[in-house]
Amino acid sequence: MSAAGREPEPGAAQCWRPSQVWNFQGVMMARFAVEYVYTADTDKRDEIRPAHRAFLSGLQEKGHLLASGPWANGTGALLVFEFEDEDALKTALEHDPFADADLISRVRINEWTPVLGSWVAG
């Protein structure tokens, strides 16, 4: 790897993990499953939800958000993303209006390797 740790030396083999995919710009992306656990403040969450969904829509338009939605019991949500790395994902999530309003009590991030389903190539 180069000193920056991002580009392989000429002729070196690249390491690929099954959770990684290439985006349309030729950048290797990793998939992440993110779980939000919400605070009990449902009134404030209802108030902020339109801004939260607009934020997520922006990430979807950029090709980062694959799916999102709340748990049926309203205690949290599952979000599936593609980002270059976990740091880029965390940076993006810092700008979620739910985070700004302290409506998320816990965030769990896992790099995810889907093996079956419509998101899996060939």
PDB file of N, CA and C in Angstrom:
ATOM      1  N   MET A   1       0.837  -1.184   0.000  1.00  0.00           N
ATOM      2  CA  MET A   1       0.000   0.000   0.000  1.00  0.00           C
ATOM      3  C   MET A   1       0.880   1.244   0.000  1.00  0.00           C
ATOM      4  N   SER A   2       0.332   2.308  -0.525  1.00  0.00           N
ATOM      5  CA  SER A   2       1.049   3.575  -0.521  1.00  0.00           C
ATOM      6  C   SER A   2       1.078   4.129   0.896  1.00  0.00           C
ATOM      7  N   ALA A   3       1.805   5.197   1.084  1.00  0.00           N
ATOM      8  CA  ALA A   3       1.904   5.810   2.404  1.00  0.00           C
ATOM      9  C   ALA A   3       0.546   6.232   2.921  1.00  0.00           C
ATOM     10  N   ALA A   4      -0.334   6.653   2.026  1.00  0.00           N
ATOM     11  CA  ALA A   4      -1.665   7.076   2.449  1.00  0.00           C
ATOM     12  C   ALA A   4      -2.520   5.884   2.852  1.00  0.00           C
ATOM     13  N   GLY A   5      -2.101   4.659   2.454  1.00  0.00           N
ATOM     14  CA  GLY A   5      -2.844   3.484   2.831  1.00  0.00           C
ATOM     15  C   GLY A   5      -4.099   3.259   1.997  1.00  0.00           C
ATOM     16  N   ARG A   6      -4.249   3.978   0.904  1.00  0.00           N
ATOM     17  CA  ARG A   6      -5.470   3.878   0.114  1.00  0.00           C
ATOM     18  C   ARG A   6      -5.256   3.212  -1.240  1.00  0.00           C
ATOM     19  N   GLU A   7      -4.111   3.376  -1.830  1.00  0.00           N
ATOM     20  CA  GLU A   7      -3.882   2.849  -3.162  1.00  0.00           C
ATOM     21  C   GLU A   7      -2.787   1.794  -3.097  1.00  0.00           C
ATOM     22  N   PRO A   8      -2.980   0.660  -3.792  1.00  0.00           N
ATOM     23  CA  PRO A   8      -1.936  -0.365  -3.763  1.00  0.00           C
ATOM     24  C   PRO A   8      -0.723   0.083  -4.565  1.00  0.00           C
ATOM     25  N   GLU A   9       0.414  -0.467  -4.217  1.00  0.00           N
ATOM     26  CA  GLU A   9       1.625  -0.221  -4.989  1.00  0.00           C
ATOM     27  C   GLU A   9       1.417  -0.797  -6.385  1.00  0.00           C
ATOM     28  N   PRO A  10       2.062  -0.231  -7.396  1.00  0.00           N
ATOM     29  CA  PRO A  10       1.928  -0.779  -8.750  1.00  0.00           C
ATOM     30  C   PRO A  10       2.257  -2.267  -8.765  1.00  0.00           C
ATOM     31  N   GLY A  11       1.382  -3.054  -9.382  1.00  0.00           N
ATOM     32  CA  GLY A  11       1.582  -4.494  -9.486  1.00  0.00           C
ATOM     33  C   GLY A  11       1.105  -5.282  -8.285  1.00  0.00           C
ATOM     34  N   ALA A  12       0.724  -4.610  -7.201  1.00  0.00           N
ATOM     35  CA  ALA A  12       0.256  -5.312  -6.007  1.00  0.00           C
ATOM     36  C   ALA A  12      -1.196  -5.735  -6.191  1.00  0.00           C
ATOM     37  N   ALA A  13      -1.537  -6.871  -5.611  1.00  0.00           N
ATOM     38  CA  ALA A  13      -2.920  -7.352  -5.676  1.00  0.00           C
ATOM     39  C   ALA A  13      -3.777  -6.548  -4.714  1.00  0.00           C
ATOM     40  N   GLN A  14      -5.019  -6.279  -5.122  1.00  0.00           N
ATOM     41  CA  GLN A  14      -5.939  -5.577  -4.240  1.00  0.00           C
ATOM     42  C   GLN A  14      -6.710  -6.589  -3.402  1.00  0.00           C
ATOM     43  N   CYS A  15      -6.932  -6.269  -2.168  1.00  0.00           N
ATOM     44  CA  CYS A  15      -7.711  -7.114  -1.275  1.00  0.00           C
ATOM     45  C   CYS A  15      -9.181  -6.717  -1.402  1.00  0.00           C
ATOM     46  N   TRP A  16     -10.040  -7.677  -1.663  1.00  0.00           N
ATOM     47  CA  TRP A  16     -11.473  -7.425  -1.823  1.00  0.00           C
ATOM     48  C   TRP A  16     -12.224  -8.247  -0.800  1.00  0.00           C
ATOM     49  N   ARG A  17     -13.186  -7.638  -0.136  1.00  0.00           N
ATOM     50  CA  ARG A  17     -14.030  -8.348   0.812  1.00  0.00           C
ATOM     51  C   ARG A  17     -15.397  -8.519   0.177  1.00  0.00           C
ATOM     52  N   PRO A  18     -16.110  -9.616   0.474  1.00  0.00           N
ATOM     53  CA  PRO A  18     -17.422  -9.845  -0.139  1.00  0.00           C
ATOM     54  C   PRO A  18     -18.434  -8.745   0.153  1.00  0.00           C
ATOM     55  N   SER A  19     -18.241  -7.962   1.198  1.00  0.00           N
ATOM     56  CA  SER A  19     -19.182  -6.890   1.523  1.00  0.00           C
ATOM     57  C   SER A  19     -18.961  -5.666   0.643  1.00  0.00           C
ATOM     58  N   GLN A  20     -17.912  -5.681  -0.181  1.00  0.00           N
ATOM     59  CA  GLN A  20     -17.588  -4.513  -0.995  1.00  0.00           C
ATOM     60  C   GLN A  20     -18.133  -4.657  -2.407  1.00  0.00           C
ATOM     61  N   VAL A  21     -18.574  -3.538  -2.948  1.00  0.00           N
ATOM     62  CA  VAL A  21     -19.065  -3.474  -4.321  1.00  0.00           C
ATOM     63  C   VAL A  21     -18.444  -2.246  -4.971  1.00  0.00           C
ATOM     64  N   TRP A  22     -18.460  -2.197  -6.291  1.00  0.00           N
ATOM     65  CA  TRP A  22     -17.956  -1.040  -7.010  1.00  0.00           C
ATOM     66  C   TRP A  22     -19.131  -0.156  -7.371  1.00  0.00           C
ATOM     67  N   ASN A  23     -19.001   1.156  -7.145  1.00  0.00           N
ATOM     68  CA  ASN A  23     -20.069   2.064  -7.555  1.00  0.00           C
ATOM     69  C   ASN A  23     -19.842   2.471  -9.011  1.00  0.00           C
ATOM     70  N   PHE A  24     -20.732   3.308  -9.538  1.00  0.00           N
ATOM     71  CA  PHE A  24     -20.655   3.695 -10.938  1.00  0.00           C
ATOM     72  C   PHE A  24     -19.432   4.548 -11.259  1.00  0.00           C
ATOM     73  N   GLN A  25     -18.816   5.149 -10.254  1.00  0.00           N
ATOM     74  CA  GLN A  25     -17.622   5.952 -10.480  1.00  0.00           C
ATOM     75  C   GLN A  25     -16.348   5.111 -10.333  1.00  0.00           C
ATOM     76  N   GLY A  26     -16.497   3.811 -10.136  1.00  0.00           N
ATOM     77  CA  GLY A  26     -15.343   2.936 -10.000  1.00  0.00           C
ATOM     78  C   GLY A  26     -14.713   2.947  -8.630  1.00  0.00           C
ATOM     79  N   VAL A  27     -15.446   3.397  -7.627  1.00  0.00           N
ATOM     80  CA  VAL A  27     -14.942   3.435  -6.255  1.00  0.00           C
ATOM     81  C   VAL A  27     -15.478   2.222  -5.512  1.00  0.00           C
ATOM     82  N   MET A  28     -14.593   1.518  -4.799  1.00  0.00           N
ATOM     83  CA  MET A  28     -15.029   0.368  -4.032  1.00  0.00           C
ATOM     84  C   MET A  28     -15.823   0.840  -2.813  1.00  0.00           C
ATOM     85  N   MET A  29     -17.003   0.278  -2.651  1.00  0.00           N
ATOM     86  CA  MET A  29     -17.894   0.660  -1.566  1.00  0.00           C
ATOM     87  C   MET A  29     -18.143  -0.556  -0.675  1.00  0.00           C
ATOM     88  N   ALA A  30     -18.342  -0.314   0.606  1.00  0.00           N
ATOM     89  CA  ALA A  30     -18.706  -1.366   1.542  1.00  0.00           C
ATOM     90  C   ALA A  30     -20.164  -1.169   1.953  1.00  0.00           C
ATOM     91  N   ARG A  31     -20.828  -2.251   2.243  1.00  0.00           N
ATOM     92  CA  ARG A  31     -22.217  -2.187   2.714  1.00  0.00           C
ATOM     93  C   ARG A  31     -22.223  -2.249   4.233  1.00  0.00           C
ATOM     94  N   PHE A  32     -23.149  -1.459   4.807  1.00  0.00           N
ATOM     95  CA  PHE A  32     -23.271  -1.388   6.260  1.00  0.00           C
ATOM     96  C   PHE A  32     -24.730  -1.488   6.669  1.00  0.00           C
ATOM     97  N   ALA A  33     -24.985  -2.282   7.701  1.00  0.00           N
ATOM     98  CA  ALA A  33     -26.289  -2.309   8.349  1.00  0.00           C
ATOM     99  C   ALA A  33     -26.161  -1.444   9.600  1.00  0.00           C
ATOM    100  N   VAL A  34     -27.060  -0.487   9.719  1.00  0.00           N
ATOM    101  CA  VAL A  34     -27.028   0.451  10.840  1.00  0.00           C
ATOM    102  C   VAL A  34     -28.338   0.309  11.604  1.00  0.00           C
ATOM    103  N   GLU A  35     -28.213   0.140  12.896  1.00  0.00           N
ATOM    104  CA  GLU A  35     -29.406   0.102  13.746  1.00  0.00           C
ATOM    105  C   GLU A  35     -29.430   1.348  14.616  1.00  0.00           C
ATOM    106  N   TYR A  36     -30.535   2.067  14.542  1.00  0.00           N
ATOM    107  CA  TYR A  36     -30.789   3.178  15.452  1.00  0.00           C
ATOM    108  C   TYR A  36     -31.694   2.678  16.569  1.00  0.00           C
ATOM    109  N   VAL A  37     -31.400   3.071  17.787  1.00  0.00           N
ATOM    110  CA  VAL A  37     -32.322   2.895  18.914  1.00  0.00           C
ATOM    111  C   VAL A  37     -32.759   4.292  19.310  1.00  0.00           C
ATOM    112  N   TYR A  38     -34.066   4.514  19.284  1.00  0.00           N
ATOM    113  CA  TYR A  38     -34.618   5.831  19.551  1.00  0.00           C
ATOM    114  C   TYR A  38     -34.797   6.084  21.038  1.00  0.00           C
ATOM    115  N   THR A  39     -34.769   7.359  21.404  1.00  0.00           N
ATOM    116  CA  THR A  39     -35.160   7.762  22.750  1.00  0.00           C
ATOM    117  C   THR A  39     -36.684   7.655  22.853  1.00  0.00           C
ATOM    118  N   ALA A  40     -37.210   7.863  24.031  1.00  0.00           N
ATOM    119  CA  ALA A  40     -38.658   7.737  24.253  1.00  0.00           C
ATOM    120  C   ALA A  40     -39.449   8.975  23.824  1.00  0.00           C
ATOM    121  N   ASP A  41     -38.786  10.012  23.355  1.00  0.00           N
ATOM    122  CA  ASP A  41     -39.455  11.267  23.018  1.00  0.00           C
ATOM    123  C   ASP A  41     -40.136  11.186  21.652  1.00  0.00           C
ATOM    124  N   THR A  42     -41.291  10.530  21.611  1.00  0.00           N
ATOM    125  CA  THR A  42     -41.993  10.326  20.336  1.00  0.00           C
ATOM    126  C   THR A  42     -42.544  11.625  19.759  1.00  0.00           C
ATOM    127  N   ASP A  43     -42.967  12.558  20.604  1.00  0.00           N
ATOM    128  CA  ASP A  43     -43.493  13.832  20.093  1.00  0.00           C
ATOM    129  C   ASP A  43     -42.417  14.600  19.321  1.00  0.00           C
ATOM    130  N   LYS A  44     -41.226  14.678  19.911  1.00  0.00           N
ATOM    131  CA  LYS A  44     -40.135  15.384  19.236  1.00  0.00           C
ATOM    132  C   LYS A  44     -39.718  14.633  17.969  1.00  0.00           C
ATOM    133  N   ARG A  45     -39.724  13.294  18.027  1.00  0.00           N
ATOM    134  CA  ARG A  45     -39.379  12.505  16.849  1.00  0.00           C
ATOM    135  C   ARG A  45     -40.377  12.756  15.715  1.00  0.00           C
ATOM    136  N   ASP A  46     -41.661  12.825  16.051  1.00  0.00           N
ATOM    137  CA  ASP A  46     -42.679  13.128  15.039  1.00  0.00           C
ATOM    138  C   ASP A  46     -42.447  14.509  14.424  1.00  0.00           C
ATOM    139  N   GLU A  47     -42.022  15.461  15.245  1.00  0.00           N
ATOM    140  CA  GLU A  47     -41.763  16.821  14.769  1.00  0.00           C
ATOM    141  C   GLU A  47     -40.563  16.871  13.817  1.00  0.00           C
ATOM    142  N   ILE A  48     -39.519  16.116  14.124  1.00  0.00           N
ATOM    143  CA  ILE A  48     -38.263  16.160  13.366  1.00  0.00           C
ATOM    144  C   ILE A  48     -38.277  15.182  12.180  1.00  0.00           C
ATOM    145  N   ARG A  49     -39.198  14.226  12.164  1.00  0.00           N
ATOM    146  CA  ARG A  49     -39.207  13.182  11.135  1.00  0.00           C
ATOM    147  C   ARG A  49     -39.140  13.712   9.699  1.00  0.00           C
ATOM    148  N   PRO A  50     -39.885  14.760   9.312  1.00  0.00           N
ATOM    149  CA  PRO A  50     -39.770  15.233   7.921  1.00  0.00           C
ATOM    150  C   PRO A  50     -38.338  15.643   7.544  1.00  0.00           C
ATOM    151  N   ALA A  51     -37.627  16.304   8.446  1.00  0.00           N
ATOM    152  CA  ALA A  51     -36.237  16.691   8.172  1.00  0.00           C
ATOM    153  C   ALA A  51     -35.339  15.452   8.110  1.00  0.00           C
ATOM    154  N   HIS A  52     -35.588  14.489   8.985  1.00  0.00           N
ATOM    155  CA  HIS A  52     -34.828  13.235   8.996  1.00  0.00           C
ATOM    156  C   HIS A  52     -35.010  12.503   7.660  1.00  0.00           C
ATOM    157  N   ARG A  53     -36.247  12.421   7.190  1.00  0.00           N
ATOM    158  CA  ARG A  53     -36.510  11.714   5.928  1.00  0.00           C
ATOM    159  C   ARG A  53     -35.943  12.478   4.734  1.00  0.00           C
ATOM    160  N   ALA A  54     -35.950  13.796   4.791  1.00  0.00           N
ATOM    161  CA  ALA A  54     -35.330  14.584   3.723  1.00  0.00           C
ATOM    162  C   ALA A  54     -33.821  14.332   3.692  1.00  0.00           C
ATOM    163  N   PHE A  55     -33.216  14.257   4.862  1.00  0.00           N
ATOM    164  CA  PHE A  55     -31.788  13.943   4.972  1.00  0.00           C
ATOM    165  C   PHE A  55     -31.494  12.584   4.347  1.00  0.00           C
ATOM    166  N   LEU A  56     -32.298  11.576   4.715  1.00  0.00           N
ATOM    167  CA  LEU A  56     -32.098  10.232   4.173  1.00  0.00           C
ATOM    168  C   LEU A  56     -32.334  10.203   2.664  1.00  0.00           C
ATOM    169  N   SER A  57     -33.317  10.955   2.196  1.00  0.00           N
ATOM    170  CA  SER A  57     -33.576  11.022   0.753  1.00  0.00           C
ATOM    171  C   SER A  57     -32.359  11.566   0.003  1.00  0.00           C
ATOM    172  N   GLY A  58     -31.686  12.529   0.602  1.00  0.00           N
ATOM    173  CA  GLY A  58     -30.464  13.060   0.005  1.00  0.00           C
ATOM    174  C   GLY A  58     -29.382  12.003  -0.104  1.00  0.00           C
ATOM    175  N   LEU A  59     -29.247  11.176   0.925  1.00  0.00           N
ATOM    176  CA  LEU A  59     -28.261  10.093   0.874  1.00  0.00           C
ATOM    177  C   LEU A  59     -28.660   9.039  -0.158  1.00  0.00           C
ATOM    178  N   GLN A  60     -29.957   8.826  -0.306  1.00  0.00           N
ATOM    179  CA  GLN A  60     -30.433   7.883  -1.320  1.00  0.00           C
ATOM    180  C   GLN A  60     -30.124   8.412  -2.720  1.00  0.00           C
ATOM    181  N   GLU A  61     -30.358   9.694  -2.942  1.00  0.00           N
ATOM    182  CA  GLU A  61     -30.080  10.299  -4.249  1.00  0.00           C
ATOM    183  C   GLU A  61     -28.598  10.213  -4.612  1.00  0.00           C
ATOM    184  N   LYS A  62     -27.727  10.243  -3.608  1.00  0.00           N
ATOM    185  CA  LYS A  62     -26.288  10.135  -3.846  1.00  0.00           C
ATOM    186  C   LYS A  62     -25.841   8.681  -3.996  1.00  0.00           C
ATOM    187  N   GLY A  63     -26.775   7.738  -3.841  1.00  0.00           N
ATOM    188  CA  GLY A  63     -26.456   6.322  -3.989  1.00  0.00           C
ATOM    189  C   GLY A  63     -25.944   5.653  -2.735  1.00  0.00           C
ATOM    190  N   HIS A  64     -26.018   6.330  -1.588  1.00  0.00           N
ATOM    191  CA  HIS A  64     -25.505   5.751  -0.353  1.00  0.00           C
ATOM    192  C   HIS A  64     -26.549   4.923   0.408  1.00  0.00           C
ATOM    193  N   LEU A  65     -27.781   5.378   0.443  1.00  0.00           N
ATOM    194  CA  LEU A  65     -28.820   4.681   1.204  1.00  0.00           C
ATOM    195  C   LEU A  65     -29.519   3.670   0.310  1.00  0.00           C
ATOM    196  N   LEU A  66     -29.497   2.404   0.716  1.00  0.00           N
ATOM    197  CA  LEU A  66     -30.171   1.347  -0.033  1.00  0.00           C
ATOM    198  C   LEU A  66     -31.573   1.089   0.490  1.00  0.00           C
ATOM    199  N   ALA A  67     -31.747   1.172   1.803  1.00  0.00           N
ATOM    200  CA  ALA A  67     -33.061   0.923   2.414  1.00  0.00           C
ATOM    201  C   ALA A  67     -33.054   1.495   3.822  1.00  0.00           C
ATOM    202  N   SER A  68     -34.236   1.885   4.278  1.00  0.00           N
ATOM    203  CA  SER A  68     -34.365   2.324   5.665  1.00  0.00           C
ATOM    204  C   SER A  68     -35.815   2.200   6.089  1.00  0.00           C
ATOM    205  N   GLY A  69     -36.006   2.071   7.374  1.00  0.00           N
ATOM    206  CA  GLY A  69     -37.357   2.040   7.907  1.00  0.00           C
ATOM    207  C   GLY A  69     -37.342   1.726   9.387  1.00  0.00           C
ATOM    208  N   PRO A  70     -38.401   2.176  10.069  1.00  0.00           N
ATOM    209  CA  PRO A  70     -38.485   1.955  11.515  1.00  0.00           C
ATOM    210  C   PRO A  70     -38.926   0.528  11.840  1.00  0.00           C
ATOM    211  N   TRP A  71     -38.552   0.096  13.039  1.00  0.00           N
ATOM    212  CA  TRP A  71     -39.098  -1.150  13.554  1.00  0.00           C
ATOM    213  C   TRP A  71     -40.604  -0.955  13.753  1.00  0.00           C
ATOM    214  N   ALA A  72     -41.368  -2.004  13.608  1.00  0.00           N
ATOM    215  CA  ALA A  72     -42.825  -1.925  13.742  1.00  0.00           C
ATOM    216  C   ALA A  72     -43.242  -1.432  15.133  1.00  0.00           C
ATOM    217  N   ASN A  73     -42.426  -1.691  16.149  1.00  0.00           N
ATOM    218  CA  ASN A  73     -42.774  -1.258  17.509  1.00  0.00           C
ATOM    219  C   ASN A  73     -42.321   0.172  17.808  1.00  0.00           C
ATOM    220  N   GLY A  74     -41.666   0.834  16.826  1.00  0.00           N
ATOM    221  CA  GLY A  74     -41.299   2.233  16.985  1.00  0.00           C
ATOM    222  C   GLY A  74     -40.097   2.515  17.860  1.00  0.00           C
ATOM    223  N   THR A  75     -39.352   1.492  18.251  1.00  0.00           N
ATOM    224  CA  THR A  75     -38.224   1.700  19.163  1.00  0.00           C
ATOM    225  C   THR A  75     -36.923   2.055  18.456  1.00  0.00           C
ATOM    226  N   GLY A  76     -36.908   1.950  17.142  1.00  0.00           N
ATOM    227  CA  GLY A  76     -35.683   2.222  16.409  1.00  0.00           C
ATOM    228  C   GLY A  76     -35.889   1.973  14.936  1.00  0.00           C
ATOM    229  N   ALA A  77     -34.765   1.815  14.222  1.00  0.00           N
ATOM    230  CA  ALA A  77     -34.837   1.638  12.776  1.00  0.00           C
ATOM    231  C   ALA A  77     -33.633   0.860  12.277  1.00  0.00           C
ATOM    232  N   LEU A  78     -33.792   0.305  11.078  1.00  0.00           N
ATOM    233  CA  LEU A  78     -32.698  -0.337  10.365  1.00  0.00           C
ATOM    234  C   LEU A  78     -32.447   0.459   9.095  1.00  0.00           C
ATOM    235  N   LEU A  79     -31.183   0.746   8.830  1.00  0.00           N
ATOM    236  CA  LEU A  79     -30.782   1.471   7.626  1.00  0.00           C
ATOM    237  C   LEU A  79     -29.636   0.696   6.979  1.00  0.00           C
ATOM    238  N   VAL A  80     -29.660   0.579   5.658  1.00  0.00           N
ATOM    239  CA  VAL A  80     -28.605  -0.129   4.934  1.00  0.00           C
ATOM    240  C   VAL A  80     -27.954   0.864   3.975  1.00  0.00           C
ATOM    241  N   PHE A  81     -26.629   0.974   4.083  1.00  0.00           N
ATOM    242  CA  PHE A  81     -25.867   1.966   3.328  1.00  0.00           C
ATOM    243  C   PHE A  81     -24.746   1.330   2.535  1.00  0.00           C
ATOM    244  N   GLU A  82     -24.280   2.058   1.523  1.00  0.00           N
ATOM    245  CA  GLU A  82     -23.014   1.793   0.850  1.00  0.00           C
ATOM    246  C   GLU A  82     -22.174   3.059   0.978  1.00  0.00           C
ATOM    247  N   PHE A  83     -20.991   2.906   1.569  1.00  0.00           N
ATOM    248  CA  PHE A  83     -20.035   3.997   1.706  1.00  0.00           C
ATOM    249  C   PHE A  83     -18.639   3.454   1.464  1.00  0.00           C
ATOM    250  N   GLU A  84     -17.698   4.358   1.238  1.00  0.00           N
ATOM    251  CA  GLU A  84     -16.309   3.969   1.010  1.00  0.00           C
ATOM    252  C   GLU A  84     -15.758   3.224   2.211  1.00  0.00           C
ATOM    253  N   ASP A  85     -16.095   3.699   3.398  1.00  0.00           N
ATOM    254  CA  ASP A  85     -15.622   3.070   4.629  1.00  0.00           C
ATOM    255  C   ASP A  85     -16.504   3.529   5.784  1.00  0.00           C
ATOM    256  N   GLU A  86     -16.280   2.947   6.935  1.00  0.00           N
ATOM    257  CA  GLU A  86     -17.102   3.247   8.106  1.00  0.00           C
ATOM    258  C   GLU A  86     -16.954   4.696   8.559  1.00  0.00           C
ATOM    259  N   ASP A  87     -15.772   5.259   8.425  1.00  0.00           N
ATOM    260  CA  ASP A  87     -15.578   6.656   8.819  1.00  0.00           C
ATOM    261  C   ASP A  87     -16.441   7.594   7.987  1.00  0.00           C
ATOM    262  N   ALA A  88     -16.527   7.340   6.673  1.00  0.00           N
ATOM    263  CA  ALA A  88     -17.370   8.170   5.808  1.00  0.00           C
ATOM    264  C   ALA A  88     -18.839   8.035   6.200  1.00  0.00           C
ATOM    265  N   LEU A  89     -19.264   6.831   6.529  1.00  0.00           N
ATOM    266  CA  LEU A  89     -20.638   6.619   6.988  1.00  0.00           C
ATOM    267  C   LEU A  89     -20.902   7.385   8.283  1.00  0.00           C
ATOM    268  N   LYS A  90     -20.011   7.253   9.251  1.00  0.00           N
ATOM    269  CA  LYS A  90     -20.190   7.946  10.534  1.00  0.00           C
ATOM    270  C   LYS A  90     -20.247   9.460  10.343  1.00  0.00           C
ATOM    271  N   THR A  91     -19.411   9.984   9.467  1.00  0.00           N
ATOM    272  CA  THR A  91     -19.425  11.414   9.188  1.00  0.00           C
ATOM    273  C   THR A  91     -20.781  11.843   8.639  1.00  0.00           C
ATOM    274  N   ALA A  92     -21.322  11.050   7.727  1.00  0.00           N
ATOM    275  CA  ALA A  92     -22.641  11.372   7.166  1.00  0.00           C
ATOM    276  C   ALA A  92     -23.725  11.306   8.236  1.00  0.00           C
ATOM    277  N   LEU A  93     -23.699  10.285   9.076  1.00  0.00           N
ATOM    278  CA  LEU A  93     -24.752  10.115  10.085  1.00  0.00           C
ATOM    279  C   LEU A  93     -24.740  11.212  11.146  1.00  0.00           C
ATOM    280  N   GLU A  94     -23.602  11.866  11.335  1.00  0.00           N
ATOM    281  CA  GLU A  94     -23.537  12.978  12.290  1.00  0.00           C
ATOM    282  C   GLU A  94     -24.483  14.104  11.908  1.00  0.00           C
ATOM    283  N   HIS A  95     -24.870  14.173  10.637  1.00  0.00           N
ATOM    284  CA  HIS A  95     -25.721  15.257  10.152  1.00  0.00           C
ATOM    285  C   HIS A  95     -27.201  14.891  10.110  1.00  0.00           C
ATOM    286  N   ASP A  96     -27.542  13.705  10.601  1.00  0.00           N
ATOM    287  CA  ASP A  96     -28.946  13.293  10.646  1.00  0.00           C
ATOM    288  C   ASP A  96     -29.693  14.193  11.632  1.00  0.00           C
ATOM    289  N   PRO A  97     -30.807  14.801  11.218  1.00  0.00           N
ATOM    290  CA  PRO A  97     -31.579  15.639  12.146  1.00  0.00           C
ATOM    291  C   PRO A  97     -32.003  14.906  13.425  1.00  0.00           C
ATOM    292  N   PHE A  98     -32.228  13.600  13.352  1.00  0.00           N
ATOM    293  CA  PHE A  98     -32.531  12.845  14.573  1.00  0.00           C
ATOM    294  C   PHE A  98     -31.342  12.878  15.533  1.00  0.00           C
ATOM    295  N   ALA A  99     -30.130  12.798  15.005  1.00  0.00           N
ATOM    296  CA  ALA A  99     -28.939  12.877  15.851  1.00  0.00           C
ATOM    297  C   ALA A  99     -28.780  14.282  16.417  1.00  0.00           C
ATOM    298  N   ASP A 100     -28.981  15.297  15.568  1.00  0.00           N
ATOM    299  CA  ASP A 100     -28.885  16.688  16.023  1.00  0.00           C
ATOM    300  C   ASP A 100     -29.867  16.987  17.152  1.00  0.00           C
ATOM    301  N   ALA A 101     -31.041  16.346  17.123  1.00  0.00           N
ATOM    302  CA  ALA A 101     -32.082  16.576  18.125  1.00  0.00           C
ATOM    303  C   ALA A 101     -31.981  15.602  19.298  1.00  0.00           C
ATOM    304  N   ASP A 102     -30.899  14.841  19.379  1.00  0.00           N
ATOM    305  CA  ASP A 102     -30.690  13.864  20.467  1.00  0.00           C
ATOM    306  C   ASP A 102     -31.842  12.869  20.585  1.00  0.00           C
ATOM    307  N   LEU A 103     -32.314  12.372  19.442  1.00  0.00           N
ATOM    308  CA  LEU A 103     -33.409  11.404  19.426  1.00  0.00           C
ATOM    309  C   LEU A 103     -32.929   9.972  19.251  1.00  0.00           C
ATOM    310  N   ILE A 104     -31.620   9.786  19.135  1.00  0.00           N
ATOM    311  CA  ILE A 104     -31.045   8.453  18.974  1.00  0.00           C
ATOM    312  C   ILE A 104     -30.206   8.147  20.210  1.00  0.00           C
ATOM    313  N   SER A 105     -30.591   7.097  20.926  1.00  0.00           N
ATOM    314  CA  SER A 105     -29.845   6.763  22.141  1.00  0.00           C
ATOM    315  C   SER A 105     -28.670   5.839  21.866  1.00  0.00           C
ATOM    316  N   ARG A 106     -28.739   5.098  20.753  1.00  0.00           N
ATOM    317  CA  ARG A 106     -27.643   4.180  20.423  1.00  0.00           C
ATOM    318  C   ARG A 106     -27.626   3.950  18.920  1.00  0.00           C
ATOM    319  N   VAL A 107     -26.413   3.847  18.362  1.00  0.00           N
ATOM    320  CA  VAL A 107     -26.218   3.514  16.958  1.00  0.00           C
ATOM    321  C   VAL A 107     -25.292   2.309  16.905  1.00  0.00           C
ATOM    322  N   ARG A 108     -25.725   1.294  16.193  1.00  0.00           N
ATOM    323  CA  ARG A 108     -24.898   0.099  15.999  1.00  0.00           C
ATOM    324  C   ARG A 108     -24.612  -0.014  14.504  1.00  0.00           C
ATOM    325  N   ILE A 109     -23.327  -0.076  14.153  1.00  0.00           N
ATOM    326  CA  ILE A 109     -22.905  -0.151  12.757  1.00  0.00           C
ATOM    327  C   ILE A 109     -22.147  -1.456  12.553  1.00  0.00           C
ATOM    328  N   ASN A 110     -22.579  -2.208  11.536  1.00  0.00           N
ATOM    329  CA  ASN A 110     -21.881  -3.432  11.170  1.00  0.00           C
ATOM    330  C   ASN A 110     -21.664  -3.455   9.671  1.00  0.00           C
ATOM    331  N   GLU A 111     -20.421  -3.711   9.243  1.00  0.00           N
ATOM    332  CA  GLU A 111     -20.213  -3.965   7.823  1.00  0.00           C
ATOM    333  C   GLU A 111     -20.917  -5.284   7.524  1.00  0.00           C
ATOM    334  N   TRP A 112     -21.637  -5.306   6.415  1.00  0.00           N
ATOM    335  CA  TRP A 112     -22.557  -6.404   6.138  1.00  0.00           C
ATOM    336  C   TRP A 112     -22.220  -7.061   4.816  1.00  0.00           C
ATOM    337  N   THR A 113     -22.261  -8.390   4.793  1.00  0.00           N
ATOM    338  CA  THR A 113     -21.990  -9.161   3.598  1.00  0.00           C
ATOM    339  C   THR A 113     -23.240  -9.946   3.199  1.00  0.00           C
ATOM    340  N   PRO A 114     -24.081  -9.379   2.339  1.00  0.00           N
ATOM    341  CA  PRO A 114     -25.251 -10.140   1.892  1.00  0.00           C
ATOM    342  C   PRO A 114     -24.805 -11.279   0.970  1.00  0.00           C
ATOM    343  N   VAL A 115     -25.403 -12.447   1.142  1.00  0.00           N
ATOM    344  CA  VAL A 115     -25.036 -13.587   0.298  1.00  0.00           C
ATOM    345  C   VAL A 115     -26.194 -14.056  -0.577  1.00  0.00           C
ATOM    346  N   LEU A 116     -27.421 -13.712  -0.215  1.00  0.00           N
ATOM    347  CA  LEU A 116     -28.594 -14.059  -1.005  1.00  0.00           C
ATOM    348  C   LEU A 116     -29.510 -12.857  -1.088  1.00  0.00           C
ATOM    349  N   GLY A 117     -30.229 -12.745  -2.178  1.00  0.00           N
ATOM    350  CA  GLY A 117     -31.209 -11.675  -2.309  1.00  0.00           C
ATOM    351  C   GLY A 117     -30.967 -10.810  -3.523  1.00  0.00           C
ATOM    352  N   SER A 118     -31.837  -9.849  -3.717  1.00  0.00           N
ATOM    353  CA  SER A 118     -31.785  -9.025  -4.912  1.00  0.00           C
ATOM    354  C   SER A 118     -30.581  -8.071  -4.950  1.00  0.00           C
ATOM    355  N   TRP A 119     -29.909  -7.840  -3.835  1.00  0.00           N
ATOM    356  CA  TRP A 119     -28.737  -6.976  -3.815  1.00  0.00           C
ATOM    357  C   TRP A 119     -27.460  -7.723  -4.154  1.00  0.00           C
ATOM    358  N   VAL A 120     -27.547  -9.028  -4.319  1.00  0.00           N
ATOM    359  CA  VAL A 120     -26.364  -9.844  -4.549  1.00  0.00           C
ATOM    360  C   VAL A 120     -26.249 -10.144  -6.041  1.00  0.00           C
ATOM    361  N   ALA A 121     -25.110  -9.788  -6.602  1.00  0.00           N
ATOM    362  CA  ALA A 121     -24.885 -10.028  -8.039  1.00  0.00           C
ATOM    363  C   ALA A 121     -24.692 -11.513  -8.292  1.00  0.00           C
ATOM    364  N   GLY A 122     -25.260 -11.958  -9.388  1.00  0.00           N
ATOM    365  CA  GLY A 122     -25.097 -13.208 -10.007  1.00  0.00           C
ATOM    366  C   GLY A 122     -25.009 -14.456  -9.300  1.00  0.00           C
TER     367      GLY A 122
END
